[in-house]
Amino acid sequence: MPDRAPHATSTTERGSFCTARCTCGWRGPARRARSQARTDAERHLADADAGSGPGCPLE
């Protein structure tokens, strides 16, 4: 099995919007609610662990 890119998510704010990002290059949609951006990040991590979901550019 090839090595997979590590995933570490964070959120960034720009104006009144918050976006989740990952070290693999994935980026979630801009959200007004920080909690929703965090949920996007959690879903991305779960999808990455399962090997499904929206692509991770470095994998």
Protein backbone atom coordinates (compact mmCIF):
# COMPACT_ATOMS: atom_id res chain seq x y z
CA MET A 1 0.00 0.00 0.00
CA PRO A 2 1.54 3.36 -0.97
CA ASP A 3 2.12 6.04 1.64
CA ARG A 4 -0.79 8.42 1.98
CA ALA A 5 -0.54 12.13 2.57
CA PRO A 6 -1.14 13.08 6.20
CA HIS A 7 -4.27 15.02 6.97
CA ALA A 8 -4.32 17.90 9.42
CA THR A 9 -7.21 20.33 9.24
CA SER A 10 -7.56 23.90 10.39
CA THR A 11 -9.95 26.78 9.87
CA THR A 12 -9.18 30.25 8.58
CA GLU A 13 -11.28 33.37 8.70
CA ARG A 14 -11.67 35.99 6.02
CA GLY A 15 -14.09 38.73 6.85
CA SER A 16 -17.27 37.15 8.16
CA PHE A 17 -16.55 33.76 6.57
CA CYS A 18 -14.70 30.73 7.89
CA THR A 19 -13.18 28.01 5.70
CA ALA A 20 -11.82 24.58 6.62
CA ARG A 21 -8.54 23.54 5.02
CA CYS A 22 -6.37 20.44 5.07
CA THR A 23 -2.66 19.87 4.57
CA CYS A 24 -3.51 17.61 1.60
CA GLY A 25 -4.80 20.63 -0.34
CA TRP A 26 -8.52 20.12 0.26
CA ARG A 27 -10.57 23.21 1.08
CA GLY A 28 -14.17 23.36 2.20
CA PRO A 29 -16.75 25.97 1.25
CA ALA A 30 -16.82 29.37 2.97
CA ARG A 31 -19.24 29.31 5.89
CA ARG A 32 -20.62 32.01 8.14
CA ALA A 33 -20.74 29.57 11.07
CA ARG A 34 -17.37 28.44 12.44
CA SER A 35 -19.05 25.30 13.76
CA GLN A 36 -20.10 24.32 10.23
CA ALA A 37 -16.56 24.82 8.91
CA ARG A 38 -15.29 22.55 11.71
CA THR A 39 -17.93 19.97 10.74
CA ASP A 40 -16.73 20.15 7.12
CA ALA A 41 -13.19 19.44 8.35
CA GLU A 42 -14.34 16.49 10.47
CA ARG A 43 -16.21 15.02 7.50
CA HIS A 44 -13.14 15.43 5.31
CA LEU A 45 -11.00 13.55 7.84
CA ALA A 46 -13.59 10.77 8.08
CA ASP A 47 -13.80 10.51 4.27
CA ALA A 48 -9.99 10.47 4.01
CA ASP A 49 -9.76 7.68 6.59
CA ALA A 50 -12.40 5.71 4.68
CA GLY A 51 -10.71 6.39 1.33
CA SER A 52 -13.79 8.04 -0.15
CA GLY A 53 -15.35 11.42 -0.66
CA PRO A 54 -14.11 14.54 -2.43
CA GLY A 55 -10.56 14.10 -3.61
CA CYS A 56 -7.39 14.75 -1.75
CA PRO A 57 -5.05 16.18 -4.39
CA LEU A 58 -1.89 14.64 -2.95
CA GLU A 59 -3.16 11.08 -2.64
